Amino acid sequence: MLEWFRVSRNNSSPYFRDGMMQDLPQLESELLGAIDGARDLAALNEVRVSALGKKGRVTALMRGLGQMDAAERAQAGPAFNALKDKIAEAVESRRAALADAELDARLAQEKIDVTLPVRPEAQGHIHPVSQVTDELIAIFADMGFSVAEGPDIEDDFHNFTALNIPPEHPARQMHDTFYLAEGPDGERKVLRTHTSPVQIRHMMNTPPPHRIIAPGRTYRSDSDITHTPMFHQVEGLVIDKTTHMGHLKGCLEEFARAFFEVDDLRMRFRPSYFPFTEPSAEMDIGCERKDGELRIGVGEDWLEILGCGMVHPKVLDHVGIDPTEYQGFAFGMGIDRIAMLKYGIPDLRAFFESDLRWLRHYGFVPLDVPTLAQGLSR
């Protein structure tokens, strides 16, 4: 063994035995064997750290150079550096090989057989409420109506007073209306009981004439097979200087024929009462009830679908419109209810139960946007 392998006996490096440094070829062979034997990147990293890490075997050799004299360092330095470079190169080569093998295994495991038939994927469906809302918008947009929106939380003025609903009216009672806690001013706001406040806000913020529909959520303290605490309504409003009851009747007749897609649909208007319209009416359509089924457009029975009337002069006064100069009509209906009638849905509560099986049965194909030209319910 060469003279430069001899060092002082008090050297604490593990690579010195009885004053003699470990044989470099043996160390090289041992480390290269460990590198070749590494089966994955984690095992390879352990070998790298044991050789080239802060406390590694090759690193310890390099630190031993400082304990040699100049002549010894001149001979040992190149040998140690050559070993270090060779081990580092072997580690990188093995790392590349292991990475390629890992990628090949992953590709083999995750490969796709393009010859197989297409696997059916989960498909979303449009909720009947959303579909019917789009149908309503399409019908009334064709008549020149635009869509208006408003807040779900309303104050007493917009939800009741401006609509000519007196303080003693049953609709104001807590058994019908959801009241919120009192505010700093002592006023108790409500969850809107209809979308009529949208009409009030629109008339107050925009000069006449008006031609809008207001679809949206509404809230009432009621729950059974045909009522839920939260449901959907659409209300319509037309205000100008010439509109009369005949225009109201023609508008709603056209709507009913288009929505139910029955050209010869029988209709009638019955006198009724609403605080915000005068005169007021309810609209019925012809139907047949037989063997537990309801068929629309045939038979001698009648089915009420909406309320309507000419806007009450007091409502126009509340929003700052002169009732001697302007007049108009309003109507409202439950979106959930007419969806049940048109598509044969027996229970309103199922609309809000988030049952995917129900939605797959009653839902609609995504992006199948209803249009009058191509048919609402294709």
Protein backbone atom coordinates (compact mmCIF):
# COMPACT_ATOMS: atom_id res chain seq x y z
CA MET A 1 0.00 0.00 0.00
CA LEU A 2 1.27 3.46 -0.90
CA GLU A 3 2.97 5.60 1.70
CA TRP A 4 0.33 8.37 1.47
CA PHE A 5 -2.29 6.03 2.94
CA ARG A 6 -0.50 6.23 6.29
CA VAL A 7 -1.84 8.78 8.76
CA SER A 8 -1.71 9.59 12.43
CA ARG A 9 -3.16 7.05 14.89
CA ASN A 10 -5.22 9.74 16.64
CA ASN A 11 -7.35 10.35 13.49
CA SER A 12 -10.99 9.61 14.42
CA SER A 13 -12.27 8.89 10.89
CA PRO A 14 -13.97 5.48 10.57
CA TYR A 15 -11.99 4.95 7.40
CA PHE A 16 -8.70 4.53 9.34
CA ARG A 17 -7.86 1.16 10.81
CA ASP A 18 -4.71 0.71 12.87
CA GLY A 19 -3.32 3.85 11.28
CA MET A 20 -4.11 2.61 7.79
CA MET A 21 -6.76 4.11 5.48
CA GLN A 22 -9.34 1.76 3.98
CA ASP A 23 -8.46 0.50 0.53
CA LEU A 24 -10.03 2.85 -2.06
CA PRO A 25 -10.86 0.20 -4.72
CA GLN A 26 -12.69 -1.81 -2.08
CA LEU A 27 -14.68 1.25 -0.99
CA GLU A 28 -15.47 2.10 -4.59
CA SER A 29 -16.62 -1.42 -5.33
CA GLU A 30 -18.78 -1.49 -2.19
CA LEU A 31 -20.49 1.85 -2.97
CA LEU A 32 -21.06 1.07 -6.65
CA GLY A 33 -22.58 -2.26 -5.68
CA ALA A 34 -24.95 -0.54 -3.27
CA ILE A 35 -25.94 1.96 -6.00
CA ASP A 36 -26.64 -0.77 -8.53
CA GLY A 37 -28.62 -2.69 -5.94
CA ALA A 38 -30.95 0.23 -5.09
CA ARG A 39 -34.47 -0.85 -6.12
CA ASP A 40 -36.15 2.53 -5.90
CA LEU A 41 -35.36 6.22 -5.58
CA ALA A 42 -35.71 6.20 -1.79
CA ALA A 43 -33.13 3.40 -1.41
CA LEU A 44 -30.82 5.17 -3.86
CA ASN A 45 -31.02 8.35 -1.86
CA GLU A 46 -29.99 6.47 1.28
CA VAL A 47 -26.89 5.17 -0.53
CA ARG A 48 -26.08 8.69 -1.78
CA VAL A 49 -26.31 10.16 1.70
CA SER A 50 -24.18 7.37 3.19
CA ALA A 51 -21.46 8.09 0.61
CA LEU A 52 -21.65 11.79 -0.24
CA GLY A 53 -23.71 13.24 2.58
CA LYS A 54 -22.42 15.43 5.37
CA LYS A 55 -21.35 12.36 7.34
CA GLY A 56 -20.78 10.15 4.31
CA ARG A 57 -17.85 7.80 3.83
CA VAL A 58 -16.38 9.64 0.83
CA THR A 59 -16.95 12.99 2.55
CA ALA A 60 -14.96 11.72 5.53
CA LEU A 61 -12.08 10.87 3.21
CA MET A 62 -12.14 14.37 1.78
CA ARG A 63 -12.01 15.86 5.28
CA GLY A 64 -8.99 13.68 6.03
CA LEU A 65 -6.95 15.59 3.44
CA GLY A 66 -6.47 18.40 5.95
CA GLN A 67 -4.48 16.09 8.23
CA MET A 68 -1.99 15.13 5.52
CA ASP A 69 1.20 16.92 4.57
CA ALA A 70 1.56 18.55 1.17
CA ALA A 71 3.12 15.54 -0.53
CA GLU A 72 0.41 13.17 0.70
CA ARG A 73 -2.38 15.57 -0.31
CA ALA A 74 -0.89 15.85 -3.77
CA GLN A 75 -1.31 12.11 -4.24
CA ALA A 76 -4.50 11.45 -2.21
CA GLY A 77 -6.51 14.49 -3.38
CA PRO A 78 -6.91 13.42 -7.03
CA ALA A 79 -7.77 9.87 -6.01
CA PHE A 80 -10.41 11.02 -3.52
CA ASN A 81 -11.92 13.48 -6.01
CA ALA A 82 -11.98 10.83 -8.70
CA LEU A 83 -13.84 8.49 -6.33
CA LYS A 84 -16.29 11.24 -5.38
CA ASP A 85 -17.02 12.09 -9.04
CA LYS A 86 -17.42 8.43 -9.97
CA ILE A 87 -19.88 7.78 -7.14
CA ALA A 88 -21.89 10.96 -7.97
CA GLU A 89 -22.04 9.97 -11.66
CA ALA A 90 -23.17 6.45 -10.78
CA VAL A 91 -25.89 7.84 -8.50
CA GLU A 92 -27.24 10.13 -11.23
CA SER A 93 -27.16 7.35 -13.81
CA ARG A 94 -29.02 5.00 -11.48
CA ARG A 95 -31.49 7.76 -10.62
CA ALA A 96 -32.32 8.28 -14.29
CA ALA A 97 -32.75 4.53 -14.81
CA LEU A 98 -35.04 4.18 -11.79
CA ALA A 99 -37.12 7.22 -12.86
CA ASP A 100 -37.56 5.74 -16.35
CA ALA A 101 -38.55 2.39 -14.90
CA GLU A 102 -41.01 4.03 -12.54
CA LEU A 103 -42.57 5.98 -15.41
CA ASP A 104 -42.81 2.85 -17.57
CA ALA A 105 -44.54 0.98 -14.76
CA ARG A 106 -46.96 3.83 -14.21
CA LEU A 107 -47.75 4.09 -17.92
CA ALA A 108 -48.33 0.35 -18.09
CA GLN A 109 -50.66 0.49 -15.12
CA GLU A 110 -52.56 3.57 -16.29
CA LYS A 111 -52.72 2.84 -19.99
CA ILE A 112 -56.03 3.22 -21.78
CA ASP A 113 -57.26 0.63 -24.21
CA VAL A 114 -58.72 2.82 -26.96
CA THR A 115 -60.35 -0.21 -28.54
CA LEU A 116 -62.79 -0.54 -25.63
CA PRO A 117 -66.28 0.99 -25.92
CA VAL A 118 -66.82 4.37 -24.29
CA ARG A 119 -67.52 4.07 -20.58
CA PRO A 120 -70.72 5.89 -19.59
CA GLU A 121 -69.88 8.84 -17.37
CA ALA A 122 -72.08 10.54 -14.80
CA GLN A 123 -74.26 13.13 -16.56
CA GLY A 124 -75.74 16.17 -14.91
CA HIS A 125 -79.35 17.20 -15.39
CA ILE A 126 -81.16 20.52 -15.34
CA HIS A 127 -83.60 20.82 -12.44
CA PRO A 128 -87.27 21.20 -13.51
CA VAL A 129 -87.48 24.59 -11.73
CA SER A 130 -84.52 25.90 -13.73
CA GLN A 131 -85.91 24.47 -16.95
CA VAL A 132 -89.39 25.94 -16.44
CA THR A 133 -87.89 29.30 -15.47
CA ASP A 134 -86.00 29.32 -18.77
CA GLU A 135 -89.20 28.38 -20.59
CA LEU A 136 -91.06 31.29 -18.96
CA ILE A 137 -88.28 33.73 -19.83
CA ALA A 138 -88.29 32.53 -23.45
CA ILE A 139 -92.07 32.96 -23.77
CA PHE A 140 -92.30 36.39 -22.19
CA ALA A 141 -89.12 37.64 -23.87
CA ASP A 142 -90.87 36.95 -27.17
CA MET A 143 -93.63 39.32 -25.97
CA GLY A 144 -91.13 42.06 -25.11
CA PHE A 145 -90.73 41.45 -21.39
CA SER A 146 -87.38 41.81 -19.62
CA VAL A 147 -86.26 40.07 -16.40
CA ALA A 148 -86.04 42.03 -13.14
CA GLU A 149 -84.56 40.88 -9.82
CA GLY A 150 -84.61 42.00 -6.21
CA PRO A 151 -83.48 41.00 -2.67
CA ASP A 152 -84.91 38.01 -0.81
CA ILE A 153 -84.99 39.99 2.47
CA GLU A 154 -87.51 42.83 2.30
CA ASP A 155 -88.88 45.58 4.50
CA ASP A 156 -92.53 46.09 5.37
CA PHE A 157 -93.03 48.87 2.84
CA HIS A 158 -91.92 46.97 -0.26
CA ASN A 159 -93.41 43.63 0.78
CA PHE A 160 -96.77 44.86 2.15
CA THR A 161 -97.56 48.58 2.36
CA ALA A 162 -96.67 49.55 -1.22
CA LEU A 163 -98.80 46.63 -2.43
CA ASN A 164 -101.89 47.97 -0.66
CA ILE A 165 -101.84 45.19 1.95
CA PRO A 166 -103.38 46.68 5.12
CA PRO A 167 -101.92 46.11 8.63
CA GLU A 168 -104.75 43.74 9.58
CA HIS A 169 -104.32 41.51 6.51
CA PRO A 170 -103.70 37.81 7.36
CA ALA A 171 -100.62 37.74 5.10
CA ARG A 172 -98.83 39.93 7.66
CA GLN A 173 -99.36 37.46 10.50
CA MET A 174 -96.48 35.37 11.80
CA HIS A 175 -98.20 32.11 10.93
CA ASP A 176 -97.86 33.05 7.25
CA THR A 177 -94.69 35.16 7.15
CA PHE A 178 -91.09 34.61 8.26
CA TYR A 179 -90.04 37.66 10.30
CA LEU A 180 -86.42 38.43 11.13
CA ALA A 181 -85.17 39.86 14.43
CA GLU A 182 -85.69 43.57 15.08
CA GLY A 183 -83.07 45.91 13.72
CA PRO A 184 -81.58 48.97 15.47
CA ASP A 185 -84.57 51.02 14.26
CA GLY A 186 -87.03 48.51 15.75
CA GLU A 187 -88.19 47.33 12.31
CA ARG A 188 -88.54 43.62 11.62
CA LYS A 189 -87.68 42.69 8.06
CA VAL A 190 -89.19 39.65 6.37
CA LEU A 191 -88.30 36.96 3.89
CA ARG A 192 -90.29 38.14 0.90
CA THR A 193 -93.62 36.36 0.59
CA HIS A 194 -93.89 37.01 -3.17
CA THR A 195 -91.80 38.58 -5.92
CA SER A 196 -94.14 41.60 -6.09
CA PRO A 197 -91.56 43.75 -4.19
CA VAL A 198 -89.38 43.44 -7.28
CA GLN A 199 -92.12 45.20 -9.23
CA ILE A 200 -92.30 47.94 -6.58
CA ARG A 201 -88.55 48.54 -6.66
CA HIS A 202 -88.50 48.54 -10.45
CA MET A 203 -91.30 51.10 -10.69
CA MET A 204 -89.65 53.32 -8.06
CA ASN A 205 -86.23 53.23 -9.73
CA THR A 206 -87.22 53.33 -13.40
CA PRO A 207 -89.62 55.69 -15.19
CA PRO A 208 -92.58 54.15 -17.03
CA PRO A 209 -93.47 52.42 -19.28
CA HIS A 210 -92.70 49.02 -17.69
CA ARG A 211 -92.82 45.51 -19.10
CA ILE A 212 -91.05 43.02 -16.81
CA ILE A 213 -91.26 39.58 -15.29
CA ALA A 214 -89.74 38.81 -11.86
CA PRO A 215 -88.88 35.13 -11.27
CA GLY A 216 -87.32 34.10 -7.97
CA ARG A 217 -87.51 32.43 -4.57
CA THR A 218 -90.25 33.30 -2.11
CA TYR A 219 -90.95 32.19 1.46
CA ARG A 220 -94.06 31.37 3.47
CA SER A 221 -94.64 29.43 6.65
CA ASP A 222 -96.39 26.47 5.08
CA SER A 223 -95.46 22.87 4.29
CA ASP A 224 -97.43 19.97 2.79
CA ILE A 225 -97.62 18.00 -0.48
CA THR A 226 -98.33 21.19 -2.48
CA HIS A 227 -96.59 23.80 -0.27
CA THR A 228 -93.04 24.28 0.96
CA PRO A 229 -91.51 27.03 3.15
CA MET A 230 -89.40 28.12 0.18
CA PHE A 231 -90.79 28.01 -3.35
CA HIS A 232 -90.49 29.84 -6.67
CA GLN A 233 -92.75 32.42 -8.25
CA VAL A 234 -92.81 34.50 -11.37
CA GLU A 235 -94.74 37.73 -11.55
CA GLY A 236 -95.31 39.99 -14.50
CA LEU A 237 -95.99 43.70 -14.77
CA VAL A 238 -97.01 45.99 -17.61
CA ILE A 239 -97.47 49.73 -17.03
CA ASP A 240 -98.19 52.29 -19.75
CA LYS A 241 -100.89 54.75 -20.79
CA THR A 242 -103.07 52.46 -22.93
CA THR A 243 -102.95 48.93 -21.46
CA HIS A 244 -106.32 47.46 -20.47
CA MET A 245 -107.88 44.18 -19.29
CA GLY A 246 -108.08 42.87 -22.85
CA HIS A 247 -104.30 43.09 -23.15
CA LEU A 248 -103.93 41.15 -19.90
CA LYS A 249 -106.24 38.40 -21.15
CA GLY A 250 -104.50 38.13 -24.52
CA CYS A 251 -101.05 38.05 -22.94
CA LEU A 252 -101.93 35.23 -20.54
CA GLU A 253 -103.80 33.21 -23.14
CA GLU A 254 -100.77 33.36 -25.42
CA PHE A 255 -98.54 32.35 -22.51
CA ALA A 256 -100.70 29.34 -21.56
CA ARG A 257 -100.86 27.98 -25.10
CA ALA A 258 -97.10 28.33 -25.54
CA PHE A 259 -96.15 26.91 -22.14
CA PHE A 260 -98.45 23.88 -22.13
CA GLU A 261 -97.93 23.47 -25.90
CA VAL A 262 -101.64 23.01 -26.58
CA ASP A 263 -102.96 25.21 -29.39
CA ASP A 264 -106.66 24.78 -28.57
CA LEU A 265 -106.27 25.04 -24.78
CA ARG A 266 -109.54 26.09 -23.12
CA MET A 267 -109.21 29.02 -20.69
CA ARG A 268 -111.44 31.14 -18.51
CA PHE A 269 -111.07 34.09 -16.13
CA ARG A 270 -113.00 34.15 -12.84
CA PRO A 271 -113.46 37.26 -10.67
CA SER A 272 -111.28 37.23 -7.56
CA TYR A 273 -109.70 39.58 -5.04
CA PHE A 274 -106.10 40.69 -4.46
CA PRO A 275 -105.18 43.86 -2.54
CA PHE A 276 -102.79 45.04 -5.26
CA THR A 277 -105.07 44.66 -8.29
CA GLU A 278 -108.55 45.94 -9.16
CA PRO A 279 -110.33 44.32 -10.88
CA SER A 280 -108.75 40.95 -10.05
CA ALA A 281 -109.17 37.53 -11.61
CA GLU A 282 -107.95 33.96 -11.49
CA MET A 283 -107.16 32.10 -14.68
CA ASP A 284 -108.26 28.48 -15.20
CA ILE A 285 -107.30 26.04 -17.94
CA GLY A 286 -109.25 23.04 -19.21
CA CYS A 287 -108.28 19.62 -17.93
CA GLU A 288 -109.47 16.09 -17.27
CA ARG A 289 -109.07 14.11 -14.05
CA LYS A 290 -109.42 10.41 -14.66
CA ASP A 291 -107.98 7.24 -13.10
CA GLY A 292 -105.75 9.27 -10.81
CA GLU A 293 -104.22 11.20 -13.72
CA LEU A 294 -104.48 14.83 -14.76
CA ARG A 295 -104.54 15.64 -18.47
CA ILE A 296 -104.28 19.25 -19.59
CA GLY A 297 -106.15 20.51 -22.64
CA VAL A 298 -108.88 17.84 -22.68
CA GLY A 299 -112.02 17.16 -20.69
CA GLU A 300 -114.58 19.39 -19.02
CA ASP A 301 -112.83 20.13 -15.71
CA TRP A 302 -110.99 23.31 -14.81
CA LEU A 303 -107.66 23.94 -13.08
CA GLU A 304 -106.57 27.30 -11.62
CA ILE A 305 -102.98 28.23 -12.56
CA LEU A 306 -102.49 31.93 -11.73
CA GLY A 307 -103.87 35.18 -10.37
CA CYS A 308 -103.94 38.49 -12.20
CA GLY A 309 -105.62 41.86 -12.51
CA MET A 310 -105.24 45.55 -13.27
CA VAL A 311 -102.71 47.27 -11.01
CA HIS A 312 -104.50 49.05 -8.14
CA PRO A 313 -104.27 52.88 -8.32
CA LYS A 314 -102.99 52.95 -4.72
CA VAL A 315 -100.00 50.85 -5.75
CA LEU A 316 -99.17 53.36 -8.46
CA ASP A 317 -99.49 56.17 -5.90
CA HIS A 318 -97.03 54.45 -3.56
CA VAL A 319 -94.34 54.22 -6.27
CA GLY A 320 -94.84 57.78 -7.52
CA ILE A 321 -96.70 57.01 -10.76
CA ASP A 322 -99.78 59.11 -11.57
CA PRO A 323 -102.75 56.67 -11.74
CA THR A 324 -104.75 59.18 -13.77
CA GLU A 325 -102.14 58.99 -16.53
CA TYR A 326 -100.84 55.42 -16.30
CA GLN A 327 -102.42 52.02 -15.84
CA GLY A 328 -101.42 48.44 -16.38
CA PHE A 329 -101.77 44.83 -15.36
CA ALA A 330 -99.93 42.31 -13.19
CA PHE A 331 -100.01 38.55 -12.81
CA GLY A 332 -98.28 35.90 -10.72
CA MET A 333 -97.95 32.13 -10.59
CA GLY A 334 -95.94 29.44 -8.82
CA ILE A 335 -93.11 28.09 -10.97
CA ASP A 336 -92.98 24.85 -9.00
CA ARG A 337 -96.73 24.37 -9.40
CA ILE A 338 -96.86 24.82 -13.16
CA ALA A 339 -93.78 22.58 -13.47
CA MET A 340 -95.69 19.87 -11.58
CA LEU A 341 -98.70 20.30 -13.87
CA LYS A 342 -96.76 20.25 -17.12
CA TYR A 343 -94.35 17.43 -16.35
CA GLY A 344 -96.51 15.23 -14.13
CA ILE A 345 -94.55 15.62 -10.88
CA PRO A 346 -96.78 14.47 -8.00
CA ASP A 347 -95.06 15.88 -4.89
CA LEU A 348 -93.68 19.39 -4.50
CA ARG A 349 -91.42 18.41 -1.61
CA ALA A 350 -89.30 16.21 -3.87
CA PHE A 351 -88.14 19.37 -5.70
CA PHE A 352 -85.93 20.24 -2.72
CA GLU A 353 -84.72 16.83 -1.46
CA SER A 354 -81.58 16.66 -3.64
CA ASP A 355 -82.34 13.09 -4.71
CA LEU A 356 -80.22 12.32 -7.78
CA ARG A 357 -82.52 9.48 -8.79
CA TRP A 358 -85.45 11.92 -8.91
CA LEU A 359 -83.38 14.43 -10.86
CA ARG A 360 -82.31 11.81 -13.40
CA HIS A 361 -85.96 10.95 -13.95
CA TYR A 362 -87.48 14.45 -14.09
CA GLY A 363 -84.38 16.46 -15.08
CA PHE A 364 -83.50 17.84 -18.50
CA VAL A 365 -80.50 17.47 -20.78
CA PRO A 366 -77.86 20.13 -20.10
CA LEU A 367 -77.59 22.93 -22.66
CA ASP A 368 -80.92 21.96 -24.19
CA VAL A 369 -82.06 25.56 -23.94
CA PRO A 370 -85.82 25.98 -24.51
CA THR A 371 -86.84 28.20 -27.43
CA LEU A 372 -90.20 28.94 -29.01
CA ALA A 373 -88.82 28.18 -32.46
CA GLN A 374 -87.58 24.68 -31.61
CA GLY A 375 -90.06 23.81 -28.87
CA LEU A 376 -89.87 24.38 -25.14
CA SER A 377 -89.78 20.78 -23.92
CA ARG A 378 -87.91 18.93 -26.68
